[in-house]
N, C-alpha and C. Protein backbone atom coordinates (compact mmCIF):
# COMPACT_ATOMS: atom_id res chain seq x y z
N MET A 1 -11.02 42.70 0.27
CA MET A 1 -10.88 42.40 1.68
C MET A 1 -9.95 41.22 1.87
N ALA A 2 -8.98 41.38 2.82
CA ALA A 2 -8.03 40.40 3.07
C ALA A 2 -8.67 39.19 3.76
N TYR A 3 -8.20 37.99 3.43
CA TYR A 3 -8.74 36.76 4.03
C TYR A 3 -8.32 36.67 5.46
N GLN A 4 -9.30 36.39 6.34
CA GLN A 4 -9.03 36.27 7.75
C GLN A 4 -8.92 34.78 8.12
N PHE A 5 -7.71 34.36 8.46
CA PHE A 5 -7.50 32.96 8.85
C PHE A 5 -8.10 32.67 10.22
N ASP A 6 -8.75 31.53 10.33
CA ASP A 6 -9.35 31.09 11.55
C ASP A 6 -9.28 29.59 11.65
N PHE A 7 -8.25 29.11 12.40
CA PHE A 7 -8.07 27.69 12.55
C PHE A 7 -8.83 27.11 13.74
N ILE A 8 -9.45 27.93 14.55
CA ILE A 8 -10.16 27.40 15.71
C ILE A 8 -11.25 26.40 15.38
N PRO A 9 -12.11 26.68 14.37
CA PRO A 9 -13.16 25.71 14.07
C PRO A 9 -12.62 24.34 13.62
N VAL A 10 -11.43 24.38 13.05
CA VAL A 10 -10.78 23.10 12.67
C VAL A 10 -10.23 22.39 13.86
N VAL A 11 -9.52 23.16 14.70
CA VAL A 11 -8.93 22.55 15.93
C VAL A 11 -10.01 22.01 16.81
N GLN A 12 -11.18 22.60 16.85
CA GLN A 12 -12.26 22.08 17.67
C GLN A 12 -12.74 20.73 17.23
N ASN A 13 -12.44 20.35 16.03
CA ASN A 13 -12.76 19.03 15.48
C ASN A 13 -11.55 18.14 15.32
N ALA A 14 -10.54 18.39 16.13
CA ALA A 14 -9.30 17.66 16.02
C ALA A 14 -9.53 16.19 16.27
N ASP A 15 -10.51 15.83 17.08
CA ASP A 15 -10.78 14.43 17.37
C ASP A 15 -11.18 13.72 16.10
N LEU A 16 -11.96 14.35 15.25
CA LEU A 16 -12.34 13.74 14.01
C LEU A 16 -11.18 13.50 13.07
N LEU A 17 -10.31 14.46 13.00
CA LEU A 17 -9.12 14.34 12.16
C LEU A 17 -8.18 13.21 12.72
N LEU A 18 -8.11 13.13 14.03
CA LEU A 18 -7.25 12.10 14.65
C LEU A 18 -7.80 10.72 14.32
N ARG A 19 -9.13 10.54 14.50
CA ARG A 19 -9.73 9.24 14.20
C ARG A 19 -9.55 8.88 12.71
N GLY A 20 -9.69 9.95 11.85
CA GLY A 20 -9.52 9.73 10.43
C GLY A 20 -8.10 9.32 10.13
N ALA A 21 -7.12 9.92 10.78
CA ALA A 21 -5.68 9.64 10.51
C ALA A 21 -5.41 8.19 11.02
N LEU A 22 -5.90 7.80 12.16
CA LEU A 22 -5.71 6.46 12.66
C LEU A 22 -6.33 5.42 11.78
N PHE A 23 -7.50 5.75 11.25
CA PHE A 23 -8.16 4.88 10.32
C PHE A 23 -7.32 4.68 9.03
N THR A 24 -6.76 5.79 8.58
CA THR A 24 -5.89 5.70 7.37
C THR A 24 -4.68 4.85 7.64
N LEU A 25 -4.07 4.98 8.81
CA LEU A 25 -2.91 4.15 9.17
C LEU A 25 -3.32 2.71 9.30
N GLU A 26 -4.51 2.46 9.79
CA GLU A 26 -4.99 1.09 9.91
C GLU A 26 -5.16 0.44 8.53
N LEU A 27 -5.81 1.21 7.67
CA LEU A 27 -5.96 0.74 6.26
C LEU A 27 -4.62 0.45 5.58
N THR A 28 -3.65 1.34 5.85
CA THR A 28 -2.30 1.21 5.24
C THR A 28 -1.60 0.00 5.81
N ALA A 29 -1.71 -0.21 7.11
CA ALA A 29 -1.01 -1.39 7.72
C ALA A 29 -1.56 -2.70 7.16
N ILE A 30 -2.88 -2.83 7.10
CA ILE A 30 -3.49 -4.08 6.64
C ILE A 30 -3.22 -4.21 5.12
N GLY A 31 -3.35 -3.13 4.36
CA GLY A 31 -3.14 -3.16 2.94
C GLY A 31 -1.70 -3.49 2.62
N THR A 32 -0.76 -2.99 3.40
CA THR A 32 0.65 -3.25 3.19
C THR A 32 0.99 -4.75 3.47
N LEU A 33 0.52 -5.26 4.59
CA LEU A 33 0.81 -6.62 4.94
C LEU A 33 0.29 -7.61 3.91
N LEU A 34 -0.98 -7.42 3.53
CA LEU A 34 -1.55 -8.34 2.60
C LEU A 34 -1.10 -8.08 1.13
N GLY A 35 -0.92 -6.78 0.79
CA GLY A 35 -0.54 -6.44 -0.53
C GLY A 35 0.90 -6.89 -0.87
N VAL A 36 1.83 -6.73 0.10
CA VAL A 36 3.18 -7.18 -0.17
C VAL A 36 3.22 -8.71 -0.19
N SER A 37 2.38 -9.38 0.61
CA SER A 37 2.33 -10.85 0.57
C SER A 37 1.91 -11.28 -0.83
N VAL A 38 0.90 -10.64 -1.37
CA VAL A 38 0.49 -10.95 -2.77
C VAL A 38 1.64 -10.69 -3.74
N GLY A 39 2.34 -9.55 -3.47
CA GLY A 39 3.46 -9.23 -4.36
C GLY A 39 4.57 -10.22 -4.31
N ILE A 40 4.85 -10.79 -3.17
CA ILE A 40 5.91 -11.80 -3.05
C ILE A 40 5.56 -13.05 -3.86
N VAL A 41 4.33 -13.49 -3.67
CA VAL A 41 3.83 -14.67 -4.41
C VAL A 41 3.90 -14.39 -5.91
N GLY A 42 3.34 -13.28 -6.29
CA GLY A 42 3.34 -12.93 -7.73
C GLY A 42 4.72 -12.77 -8.31
N ALA A 43 5.65 -12.20 -7.53
CA ALA A 43 6.99 -12.03 -8.01
C ALA A 43 7.71 -13.40 -8.23
N ILE A 44 7.53 -14.30 -7.34
CA ILE A 44 8.14 -15.61 -7.48
C ILE A 44 7.52 -16.34 -8.68
N VAL A 45 6.19 -16.30 -8.78
CA VAL A 45 5.50 -16.96 -9.88
C VAL A 45 5.98 -16.40 -11.22
N ARG A 46 6.06 -15.12 -11.33
CA ARG A 46 6.44 -14.49 -12.64
C ARG A 46 7.92 -14.67 -12.92
N ALA A 47 8.75 -14.50 -11.90
CA ALA A 47 10.16 -14.62 -12.13
C ALA A 47 10.60 -16.00 -12.47
N TRP A 48 9.93 -17.03 -11.90
CA TRP A 48 10.26 -18.42 -12.19
C TRP A 48 9.33 -19.03 -13.22
N LYS A 49 8.45 -18.17 -13.80
CA LYS A 49 7.52 -18.61 -14.89
C LYS A 49 6.80 -19.89 -14.57
N ILE A 50 6.12 -19.86 -13.42
CA ILE A 50 5.35 -21.02 -12.98
C ILE A 50 3.96 -20.91 -13.66
N GLN A 51 3.74 -21.73 -14.67
CA GLN A 51 2.46 -21.74 -15.43
C GLN A 51 1.40 -22.63 -14.80
N PRO A 52 0.09 -22.28 -14.91
CA PRO A 52 -0.44 -21.10 -15.65
C PRO A 52 -0.52 -19.83 -14.80
N PHE A 53 0.00 -19.90 -13.59
CA PHE A 53 -0.16 -18.77 -12.71
C PHE A 53 0.63 -17.53 -13.16
N SER A 54 1.73 -17.76 -13.84
CA SER A 54 2.55 -16.65 -14.30
C SER A 54 1.73 -15.76 -15.30
N ALA A 55 0.98 -16.43 -16.22
CA ALA A 55 0.17 -15.73 -17.18
C ALA A 55 -0.96 -14.98 -16.45
N LEU A 56 -1.56 -15.63 -15.50
CA LEU A 56 -2.66 -15.00 -14.74
C LEU A 56 -2.17 -13.78 -14.01
N PHE A 57 -1.01 -13.85 -13.36
CA PHE A 57 -0.49 -12.70 -12.64
C PHE A 57 -0.07 -11.62 -13.62
N GLY A 58 0.37 -12.00 -14.79
CA GLY A 58 0.76 -10.99 -15.79
C GLY A 58 -0.47 -10.19 -16.17
N VAL A 59 -1.60 -10.86 -16.42
CA VAL A 59 -2.84 -10.09 -16.77
C VAL A 59 -3.28 -9.22 -15.62
N TYR A 60 -3.21 -9.74 -14.40
CA TYR A 60 -3.60 -9.02 -13.19
C TYR A 60 -2.73 -7.75 -13.02
N VAL A 61 -1.44 -7.89 -13.16
CA VAL A 61 -0.53 -6.73 -13.05
C VAL A 61 -0.82 -5.67 -14.06
N GLU A 62 -0.94 -6.10 -15.30
CA GLU A 62 -1.18 -5.08 -16.39
C GLU A 62 -2.54 -4.42 -16.19
N LEU A 63 -3.56 -5.15 -15.78
CA LEU A 63 -4.89 -4.60 -15.60
C LEU A 63 -4.88 -3.49 -14.48
N ILE A 64 -4.25 -3.83 -13.34
CA ILE A 64 -4.27 -2.89 -12.20
C ILE A 64 -3.32 -1.70 -12.47
N ARG A 65 -2.18 -1.93 -13.06
CA ARG A 65 -1.24 -0.84 -13.27
C ARG A 65 -1.66 0.11 -14.33
N ASN A 66 -2.66 -0.28 -15.15
CA ASN A 66 -3.06 0.60 -16.25
C ASN A 66 -4.54 1.06 -16.12
N THR A 67 -5.04 1.02 -14.91
CA THR A 67 -6.39 1.54 -14.58
C THR A 67 -6.28 2.42 -13.34
N PRO A 68 -7.13 3.43 -13.22
CA PRO A 68 -7.08 4.31 -12.02
C PRO A 68 -7.52 3.58 -10.75
N PHE A 69 -6.92 3.94 -9.65
CA PHE A 69 -7.28 3.33 -8.31
C PHE A 69 -8.68 3.60 -8.01
N LEU A 70 -9.23 4.80 -8.36
CA LEU A 70 -10.63 5.16 -8.10
C LEU A 70 -11.57 4.20 -8.79
N VAL A 71 -11.28 3.87 -10.03
CA VAL A 71 -12.13 3.00 -10.81
C VAL A 71 -12.10 1.59 -10.19
N GLN A 72 -10.93 1.17 -9.76
CA GLN A 72 -10.78 -0.12 -9.07
C GLN A 72 -11.65 -0.17 -7.81
N LEU A 73 -11.61 0.94 -7.05
CA LEU A 73 -12.38 1.03 -5.84
C LEU A 73 -13.88 0.99 -6.14
N PHE A 74 -14.28 1.74 -7.11
CA PHE A 74 -15.68 1.75 -7.50
C PHE A 74 -16.21 0.40 -8.01
N PHE A 75 -15.32 -0.27 -8.75
CA PHE A 75 -15.68 -1.61 -9.23
C PHE A 75 -15.95 -2.56 -8.11
N ILE A 76 -15.05 -2.53 -7.09
CA ILE A 76 -15.18 -3.40 -5.93
C ILE A 76 -16.44 -3.07 -5.13
N PHE A 77 -16.64 -1.75 -4.85
CA PHE A 77 -17.71 -1.36 -3.97
C PHE A 77 -19.05 -1.37 -4.58
N PHE A 78 -19.15 -0.93 -5.86
CA PHE A 78 -20.41 -0.88 -6.54
C PHE A 78 -20.69 -2.08 -7.46
N GLY A 79 -19.58 -2.64 -8.02
CA GLY A 79 -19.72 -3.71 -8.97
C GLY A 79 -19.95 -5.06 -8.32
N LEU A 80 -19.18 -5.41 -7.32
CA LEU A 80 -19.34 -6.71 -6.68
C LEU A 80 -20.72 -6.97 -6.12
N PRO A 81 -21.35 -5.97 -5.46
CA PRO A 81 -22.71 -6.22 -4.94
C PRO A 81 -23.71 -6.65 -6.03
N SER A 82 -23.49 -6.15 -7.26
CA SER A 82 -24.43 -6.58 -8.34
C SER A 82 -24.22 -8.03 -8.69
N LEU A 83 -23.14 -8.62 -8.24
CA LEU A 83 -22.87 -10.06 -8.48
C LEU A 83 -23.28 -10.88 -7.23
N GLY A 84 -23.82 -10.15 -6.25
CA GLY A 84 -24.28 -10.87 -5.05
C GLY A 84 -23.33 -10.87 -3.88
N LEU A 85 -22.16 -10.16 -4.07
CA LEU A 85 -21.18 -10.09 -3.00
C LEU A 85 -21.22 -8.73 -2.35
N LYS A 86 -21.84 -8.60 -1.21
CA LYS A 86 -22.00 -7.32 -0.51
C LYS A 86 -20.88 -7.19 0.49
N ILE A 87 -20.19 -6.03 0.43
CA ILE A 87 -19.08 -5.77 1.35
C ILE A 87 -19.30 -4.34 1.88
N SER A 88 -18.70 -4.09 3.03
CA SER A 88 -18.77 -2.80 3.67
C SER A 88 -17.76 -1.82 3.02
N GLU A 89 -17.93 -0.55 3.38
CA GLU A 89 -16.96 0.46 2.91
C GLU A 89 -15.52 0.10 3.30
N TRP A 90 -15.35 -0.31 4.55
CA TRP A 90 -14.02 -0.64 5.07
C TRP A 90 -13.44 -1.84 4.32
N GLN A 91 -14.22 -2.85 4.10
CA GLN A 91 -13.76 -4.03 3.40
C GLN A 91 -13.38 -3.71 1.94
N ALA A 92 -14.18 -2.84 1.32
CA ALA A 92 -13.94 -2.44 -0.08
C ALA A 92 -12.64 -1.66 -0.15
N ALA A 93 -12.43 -0.75 0.80
CA ALA A 93 -11.16 0.04 0.81
C ALA A 93 -9.95 -0.84 1.00
N VAL A 94 -10.00 -1.77 1.96
CA VAL A 94 -8.86 -2.69 2.21
C VAL A 94 -8.60 -3.50 1.00
N LEU A 95 -9.67 -4.12 0.41
CA LEU A 95 -9.49 -5.01 -0.73
C LEU A 95 -8.89 -4.23 -1.92
N ALA A 96 -9.35 -2.95 -2.16
CA ALA A 96 -8.78 -2.18 -3.24
C ALA A 96 -7.34 -1.84 -3.02
N MET A 97 -6.94 -1.57 -1.80
CA MET A 97 -5.53 -1.23 -1.47
C MET A 97 -4.67 -2.44 -1.64
N VAL A 98 -5.21 -3.65 -1.17
CA VAL A 98 -4.41 -4.87 -1.29
C VAL A 98 -4.20 -5.20 -2.76
N ILE A 99 -5.24 -5.15 -3.54
CA ILE A 99 -5.15 -5.48 -4.98
C ILE A 99 -4.21 -4.55 -5.72
N ASN A 100 -4.33 -3.24 -5.39
CA ASN A 100 -3.47 -2.22 -6.03
C ASN A 100 -2.03 -2.39 -5.63
N LEU A 101 -1.72 -2.49 -4.38
CA LEU A 101 -0.33 -2.63 -3.94
C LEU A 101 0.24 -3.99 -4.37
N GLY A 102 -0.59 -5.00 -4.37
CA GLY A 102 -0.15 -6.36 -4.79
C GLY A 102 0.39 -6.34 -6.19
N ALA A 103 -0.29 -5.61 -7.10
CA ALA A 103 0.15 -5.54 -8.51
C ALA A 103 1.47 -4.83 -8.61
N TYR A 104 1.57 -3.68 -8.00
CA TYR A 104 2.82 -2.88 -8.10
C TYR A 104 3.99 -3.58 -7.38
N SER A 105 3.75 -4.18 -6.22
CA SER A 105 4.84 -4.83 -5.49
C SER A 105 5.23 -6.13 -6.19
N THR A 106 4.38 -6.72 -6.97
CA THR A 106 4.74 -7.93 -7.73
C THR A 106 5.91 -7.55 -8.68
N GLU A 107 5.78 -6.47 -9.39
CA GLU A 107 6.79 -6.08 -10.35
C GLU A 107 8.06 -5.58 -9.66
N ILE A 108 7.84 -4.89 -8.54
CA ILE A 108 9.05 -4.33 -7.82
C ILE A 108 9.84 -5.48 -7.22
N ILE A 109 9.19 -6.43 -6.57
CA ILE A 109 9.92 -7.55 -5.96
C ILE A 109 10.44 -8.50 -7.03
N ARG A 110 9.73 -8.64 -8.13
CA ARG A 110 10.21 -9.51 -9.23
C ARG A 110 11.57 -9.04 -9.74
N ALA A 111 11.74 -7.68 -9.84
CA ALA A 111 13.03 -7.16 -10.24
C ALA A 111 14.17 -7.58 -9.30
N GLY A 112 13.82 -7.59 -7.98
CA GLY A 112 14.84 -8.03 -7.03
C GLY A 112 15.16 -9.51 -7.13
N VAL A 113 14.15 -10.33 -7.35
CA VAL A 113 14.27 -11.76 -7.51
C VAL A 113 15.13 -12.10 -8.72
N GLN A 114 14.86 -11.40 -9.81
CA GLN A 114 15.61 -11.68 -11.07
C GLN A 114 17.07 -11.19 -10.96
N ALA A 115 17.33 -10.32 -10.00
CA ALA A 115 18.71 -9.83 -9.85
C ALA A 115 19.56 -10.76 -9.02
N ILE A 116 18.90 -11.84 -8.42
CA ILE A 116 19.69 -12.78 -7.66
C ILE A 116 20.54 -13.69 -8.63
N PRO A 117 21.83 -13.71 -8.48
CA PRO A 117 22.68 -14.56 -9.32
C PRO A 117 22.31 -16.02 -9.25
N ARG A 118 22.20 -16.69 -10.37
CA ARG A 118 21.85 -18.11 -10.32
C ARG A 118 22.90 -18.95 -9.58
N GLY A 119 24.10 -18.45 -9.55
CA GLY A 119 25.19 -19.16 -8.83
C GLY A 119 24.84 -19.32 -7.36
N GLN A 120 24.12 -18.32 -6.78
CA GLN A 120 23.75 -18.45 -5.38
C GLN A 120 22.76 -19.56 -5.17
N LEU A 121 21.87 -19.76 -6.13
CA LEU A 121 20.93 -20.85 -5.99
C LEU A 121 21.64 -22.22 -6.09
N GLU A 122 22.61 -22.31 -6.99
CA GLU A 122 23.37 -23.53 -7.15
C GLU A 122 24.21 -23.79 -5.91
N ALA A 123 24.74 -22.69 -5.29
CA ALA A 123 25.54 -22.86 -4.09
C ALA A 123 24.67 -23.33 -2.90
N SER A 124 23.39 -22.86 -2.85
CA SER A 124 22.51 -23.33 -1.77
C SER A 124 22.20 -24.78 -1.96
N ALA A 125 22.03 -25.21 -3.21
CA ALA A 125 21.78 -26.63 -3.43
C ALA A 125 22.99 -27.46 -3.05
N ALA A 126 24.16 -26.97 -3.33
CA ALA A 126 25.39 -27.70 -2.96
C ALA A 126 25.57 -27.79 -1.46
N LEU A 127 25.01 -26.83 -0.74
CA LEU A 127 25.07 -26.85 0.71
C LEU A 127 23.90 -27.66 1.36
N ALA A 128 23.11 -28.29 0.52
CA ALA A 128 21.99 -29.12 0.96
C ALA A 128 20.96 -28.31 1.75
N MET A 129 20.78 -27.07 1.36
CA MET A 129 19.73 -26.23 1.98
C MET A 129 18.36 -26.69 1.49
N THR A 130 17.42 -26.65 2.40
CA THR A 130 16.05 -27.00 1.99
C THR A 130 15.46 -25.92 1.07
N ARG A 131 14.36 -26.24 0.41
CA ARG A 131 13.72 -25.24 -0.45
C ARG A 131 13.29 -23.99 0.30
N PHE A 132 12.78 -24.24 1.51
CA PHE A 132 12.37 -23.09 2.31
C PHE A 132 13.52 -22.21 2.73
N GLU A 133 14.63 -22.88 3.13
CA GLU A 133 15.82 -22.14 3.51
C GLU A 133 16.39 -21.38 2.32
N THR A 134 16.37 -22.03 1.18
CA THR A 134 16.87 -21.32 -0.04
C THR A 134 15.96 -20.11 -0.37
N PHE A 135 14.66 -20.35 -0.29
CA PHE A 135 13.72 -19.27 -0.63
C PHE A 135 13.87 -18.09 0.32
N ARG A 136 14.01 -18.40 1.61
CA ARG A 136 14.09 -17.33 2.60
C ARG A 136 15.41 -16.59 2.58
N HIS A 137 16.49 -17.34 2.67
CA HIS A 137 17.80 -16.74 2.85
C HIS A 137 18.53 -16.33 1.55
N VAL A 138 18.28 -17.06 0.48
CA VAL A 138 18.98 -16.84 -0.76
C VAL A 138 18.17 -16.02 -1.78
N VAL A 139 16.83 -16.14 -1.71
CA VAL A 139 15.95 -15.42 -2.69
C VAL A 139 15.28 -14.25 -2.09
N LEU A 140 14.40 -14.48 -1.10
CA LEU A 140 13.47 -13.47 -0.61
C LEU A 140 14.18 -12.29 0.09
N VAL A 141 14.98 -12.55 1.08
CA VAL A 141 15.61 -11.49 1.86
C VAL A 141 16.54 -10.65 0.96
N PRO A 142 17.44 -11.28 0.18
CA PRO A 142 18.28 -10.46 -0.73
C PRO A 142 17.49 -9.69 -1.74
N ALA A 143 16.40 -10.28 -2.27
CA ALA A 143 15.55 -9.59 -3.25
C ALA A 143 14.90 -8.33 -2.65
N LEU A 144 14.36 -8.54 -1.43
CA LEU A 144 13.76 -7.38 -0.70
C LEU A 144 14.79 -6.32 -0.41
N GLY A 145 15.98 -6.77 -0.04
CA GLY A 145 17.01 -5.78 0.22
C GLY A 145 17.36 -4.90 -0.97
N LYS A 146 17.29 -5.50 -2.14
CA LYS A 146 17.61 -4.74 -3.37
C LYS A 146 16.56 -3.73 -3.75
N VAL A 147 15.31 -4.03 -3.40
CA VAL A 147 14.17 -3.19 -3.87
C VAL A 147 13.47 -2.47 -2.70
N TRP A 148 13.95 -2.59 -1.48
CA TRP A 148 13.22 -2.03 -0.33
C TRP A 148 12.89 -0.54 -0.50
N PRO A 149 13.84 0.32 -0.91
CA PRO A 149 13.49 1.72 -1.11
C PRO A 149 12.34 1.95 -2.07
N ALA A 150 12.32 1.26 -3.18
CA ALA A 150 11.26 1.39 -4.13
C ALA A 150 9.94 0.85 -3.59
N LEU A 151 10.00 -0.27 -2.85
CA LEU A 151 8.80 -0.80 -2.27
C LEU A 151 8.25 0.12 -1.17
N SER A 152 9.15 0.67 -0.38
CA SER A 152 8.72 1.65 0.63
C SER A 152 8.01 2.83 0.01
N SER A 153 8.54 3.35 -1.08
CA SER A 153 7.91 4.47 -1.75
C SER A 153 6.54 4.12 -2.25
N GLN A 154 6.37 2.92 -2.79
CA GLN A 154 5.08 2.47 -3.32
C GLN A 154 4.06 2.32 -2.18
N ILE A 155 4.48 1.87 -1.03
CA ILE A 155 3.57 1.77 0.12
C ILE A 155 3.07 3.14 0.53
N ILE A 156 3.96 4.12 0.50
CA ILE A 156 3.57 5.50 0.87
C ILE A 156 2.59 6.04 -0.18
N ILE A 157 2.81 5.77 -1.45
CA ILE A 157 1.91 6.17 -2.54
C ILE A 157 0.52 5.62 -2.29
N VAL A 158 0.46 4.33 -1.94
CA VAL A 158 -0.84 3.69 -1.70
C VAL A 158 -1.51 4.35 -0.49
N MET A 159 -0.72 4.66 0.55
CA MET A 159 -1.30 5.33 1.70
C MET A 159 -1.93 6.70 1.32
N LEU A 160 -1.21 7.48 0.53
CA LEU A 160 -1.72 8.77 0.07
C LEU A 160 -2.94 8.57 -0.85
N GLY A 161 -2.89 7.55 -1.65
CA GLY A 161 -3.99 7.26 -2.58
C GLY A 161 -5.23 6.83 -1.88
N SER A 162 -5.10 6.41 -0.58
CA SER A 162 -6.30 5.99 0.21
C SER A 162 -7.26 7.13 0.39
N ALA A 163 -6.82 8.36 0.11
CA ALA A 163 -7.73 9.53 0.28
C ALA A 163 -8.96 9.41 -0.61
N VAL A 164 -8.87 8.69 -1.72
CA VAL A 164 -10.05 8.58 -2.62
C VAL A 164 -11.12 7.66 -2.02
N CYS A 165 -10.70 6.92 -0.97
CA CYS A 165 -11.70 5.99 -0.34
C CYS A 165 -12.81 6.80 0.30
N SER A 166 -12.62 8.10 0.51
CA SER A 166 -13.70 8.89 1.03
C SER A 166 -14.86 8.95 0.08
N GLN A 167 -14.64 8.65 -1.21
CA GLN A 167 -15.71 8.66 -2.21
C GLN A 167 -16.73 7.57 -1.97
N ILE A 168 -16.40 6.55 -1.21
CA ILE A 168 -17.40 5.55 -0.85
C ILE A 168 -17.75 5.59 0.63
N ALA A 169 -17.45 6.76 1.26
CA ALA A 169 -17.80 7.06 2.67
C ALA A 169 -16.96 6.22 3.65
N THR A 170 -15.77 5.85 3.27
CA THR A 170 -14.81 5.23 4.21
C THR A 170 -14.28 6.36 5.13
N GLU A 171 -14.40 6.18 6.42
CA GLU A 171 -14.19 7.28 7.34
C GLU A 171 -12.67 7.47 7.62
N GLU A 172 -11.86 7.68 6.57
CA GLU A 172 -10.43 7.92 6.74
C GLU A 172 -10.23 9.45 6.83
N LEU A 173 -8.98 9.89 6.72
CA LEU A 173 -8.61 11.27 7.00
C LEU A 173 -9.32 12.21 6.04
N SER A 174 -9.28 11.99 4.76
CA SER A 174 -9.89 12.96 3.85
C SER A 174 -11.41 13.00 4.01
N PHE A 175 -12.05 11.90 4.42
CA PHE A 175 -13.47 11.93 4.72
C PHE A 175 -13.73 12.82 5.89
N ALA A 176 -12.89 12.71 6.89
CA ALA A 176 -13.07 13.62 8.08
C ALA A 176 -12.90 15.06 7.72
N ALA A 177 -11.87 15.33 6.87
CA ALA A 177 -11.63 16.72 6.42
C ALA A 177 -12.81 17.24 5.64
N ASN A 178 -13.36 16.48 4.76
CA ASN A 178 -14.49 16.93 3.97
C ASN A 178 -15.71 17.20 4.88
N PHE A 179 -15.88 16.35 5.89
CA PHE A 179 -17.01 16.54 6.82
C PHE A 179 -16.89 17.83 7.60
N ILE A 180 -15.65 18.07 8.09
CA ILE A 180 -15.38 19.28 8.88
C ILE A 180 -15.58 20.50 8.02
N GLN A 181 -15.04 20.49 6.84
CA GLN A 181 -15.14 21.65 5.93
C GLN A 181 -16.62 21.95 5.57
N SER A 182 -17.40 20.90 5.42
CA SER A 182 -18.83 21.12 5.05
C SER A 182 -19.58 21.78 6.16
N ARG A 183 -19.05 21.70 7.37
CA ARG A 183 -19.79 22.27 8.54
C ARG A 183 -19.28 23.66 8.92
N ASN A 184 -18.00 23.89 8.78
CA ASN A 184 -17.46 25.22 9.19
C ASN A 184 -17.10 26.10 8.03
N PHE A 185 -17.07 25.56 6.78
CA PHE A 185 -16.76 26.34 5.61
C PHE A 185 -15.41 26.98 5.62
N ARG A 186 -14.48 26.43 6.43
CA ARG A 186 -13.11 26.92 6.46
C ARG A 186 -12.25 25.95 5.64
N ALA A 187 -12.44 26.00 4.34
CA ALA A 187 -11.75 25.00 3.48
C ALA A 187 -10.23 25.15 3.53
N PHE A 188 -9.75 26.35 3.42
CA PHE A 188 -8.27 26.51 3.38
C PHE A 188 -7.66 25.99 4.64
N GLU A 189 -8.17 26.40 5.80
CA GLU A 189 -7.64 25.96 7.08
C GLU A 189 -7.74 24.46 7.29
N THR A 190 -8.91 23.92 6.88
CA THR A 190 -9.14 22.48 7.06
C THR A 190 -8.15 21.62 6.21
N TYR A 191 -7.97 22.07 4.97
CA TYR A 191 -7.15 21.22 4.09
C TYR A 191 -5.66 21.47 4.22
N ILE A 192 -5.31 22.64 4.80
CA ILE A 192 -3.86 22.79 5.04
C ILE A 192 -3.43 21.96 6.26
N ILE A 193 -4.30 21.86 7.23
CA ILE A 193 -4.03 20.99 8.40
C ILE A 193 -4.05 19.54 7.95
N THR A 194 -4.99 19.18 7.09
CA THR A 194 -5.05 17.82 6.61
C THR A 194 -3.79 17.46 5.78
N THR A 195 -3.31 18.42 5.00
CA THR A 195 -2.09 18.24 4.22
C THR A 195 -0.91 17.95 5.16
N LEU A 196 -0.83 18.73 6.16
CA LEU A 196 0.27 18.57 7.16
C LEU A 196 0.20 17.17 7.84
N ILE A 197 -1.03 16.74 8.13
CA ILE A 197 -1.20 15.42 8.76
C ILE A 197 -0.74 14.31 7.79
N TYR A 198 -1.15 14.45 6.52
CA TYR A 198 -0.68 13.46 5.53
C TYR A 198 0.82 13.47 5.40
N LEU A 199 1.43 14.67 5.44
CA LEU A 199 2.86 14.77 5.33
C LEU A 199 3.54 14.11 6.55
N ALA A 200 2.98 14.34 7.72
CA ALA A 200 3.55 13.72 8.93
C ALA A 200 3.45 12.19 8.86
N MET A 201 2.26 11.71 8.42
CA MET A 201 2.13 10.27 8.28
C MET A 201 3.04 9.66 7.26
N ALA A 202 3.27 10.31 6.15
CA ALA A 202 4.18 9.82 5.15
C ALA A 202 5.58 9.76 5.65
N LEU A 203 6.02 10.81 6.32
CA LEU A 203 7.35 10.77 6.94
C LEU A 203 7.50 9.73 8.01
N LEU A 204 6.44 9.55 8.82
CA LEU A 204 6.49 8.52 9.83
C LEU A 204 6.61 7.15 9.26
N ILE A 205 5.79 6.87 8.24
CA ILE A 205 5.84 5.54 7.59
C ILE A 205 7.18 5.30 6.92
N ARG A 206 7.69 6.35 6.29
CA ARG A 206 9.01 6.21 5.63
C ARG A 206 10.12 5.88 6.66
N GLN A 207 10.13 6.55 7.79
CA GLN A 207 11.11 6.24 8.81
C GLN A 207 10.91 4.88 9.39
N LEU A 208 9.67 4.45 9.57
CA LEU A 208 9.35 3.11 10.07
C LEU A 208 9.86 2.02 9.09
N LEU A 209 9.57 2.24 7.84
CA LEU A 209 9.98 1.27 6.87
C LEU A 209 11.49 1.19 6.70
N ALA A 210 12.14 2.38 6.86
CA ALA A 210 13.62 2.43 6.80
C ALA A 210 14.19 1.66 7.98
N TRP A 211 13.57 1.80 9.14
CA TRP A 211 14.05 1.07 10.35
C TRP A 211 13.87 -0.45 10.15
N ILE A 212 12.70 -0.82 9.58
CA ILE A 212 12.44 -2.25 9.32
C ILE A 212 13.48 -2.77 8.34
N GLY A 213 13.81 -1.96 7.34
CA GLY A 213 14.81 -2.44 6.36
C GLY A 213 16.15 -2.63 6.97
N ARG A 214 16.56 -1.69 7.86
CA ARG A 214 17.87 -1.84 8.52
C ARG A 214 17.87 -2.99 9.55
N ARG A 215 16.76 -3.13 10.24
CA ARG A 215 16.70 -4.12 11.36
C ARG A 215 16.52 -5.55 10.90
N TYR A 216 15.66 -5.75 9.87
CA TYR A 216 15.31 -7.11 9.55
C TYR A 216 15.72 -7.56 8.17
N ILE A 217 16.10 -6.62 7.31
CA ILE A 217 16.47 -6.98 5.96
C ILE A 217 17.95 -6.80 5.65
N ALA A 218 18.42 -5.57 5.86
CA ALA A 218 19.82 -5.27 5.51
C ALA A 218 20.76 -6.14 6.28
N ARG A 219 20.52 -6.38 7.60
CA ARG A 219 21.45 -7.14 8.42
C ARG A 219 21.47 -8.63 8.04
N ASN A 220 20.38 -9.08 7.37
CA ASN A 220 20.31 -10.49 6.93
C ASN A 220 20.62 -10.64 5.44
N HIS A 221 20.93 -9.49 4.83
CA HIS A 221 21.16 -9.50 3.40
C HIS A 221 22.61 -9.89 3.11
């Protein structure tokens, strides 16, 4: 018997999918802002070999980059409460995304920092630029300009990886899809629509990051 497609039960729960998608975007926005901030600090510390923090960031980067995101999430959500630190599903999801993106963005941004010619730093000193001015205009912005495409791709990867946060009942998009499918048993229809929503969000974020790169980074690079 041929499979009979029926998207109506899924469309009837469009409000759940919308809330889940918005929650995913919220997680991504907060995770990106904090994760990239951690990455900037880590990149400077590792590129300039500021001890003992350089060694600590090195261990952190290797630990996160060589373990699954799901294990990191479980460690935060199930492991930390055993140490007396109780956090909600939302807090655990955000913390896991920040820690994960922070490690990857540290190495991505470090590559950009190390690509800055030392002559530019010497020129900024000759121009009597302050340390902050040197860091902002000579180091940070040019470094971000060199690695922005790679950093943008990593942000999208983290957004897509947030789907596993449904495993701790974080009410993001995949959680909503699982809930809808469990009630209407239209798995194919539910997940094909969910796939399209993830695709739309990824394209939206990519375009937004490209605009930010052109507007605030490339023009100052």
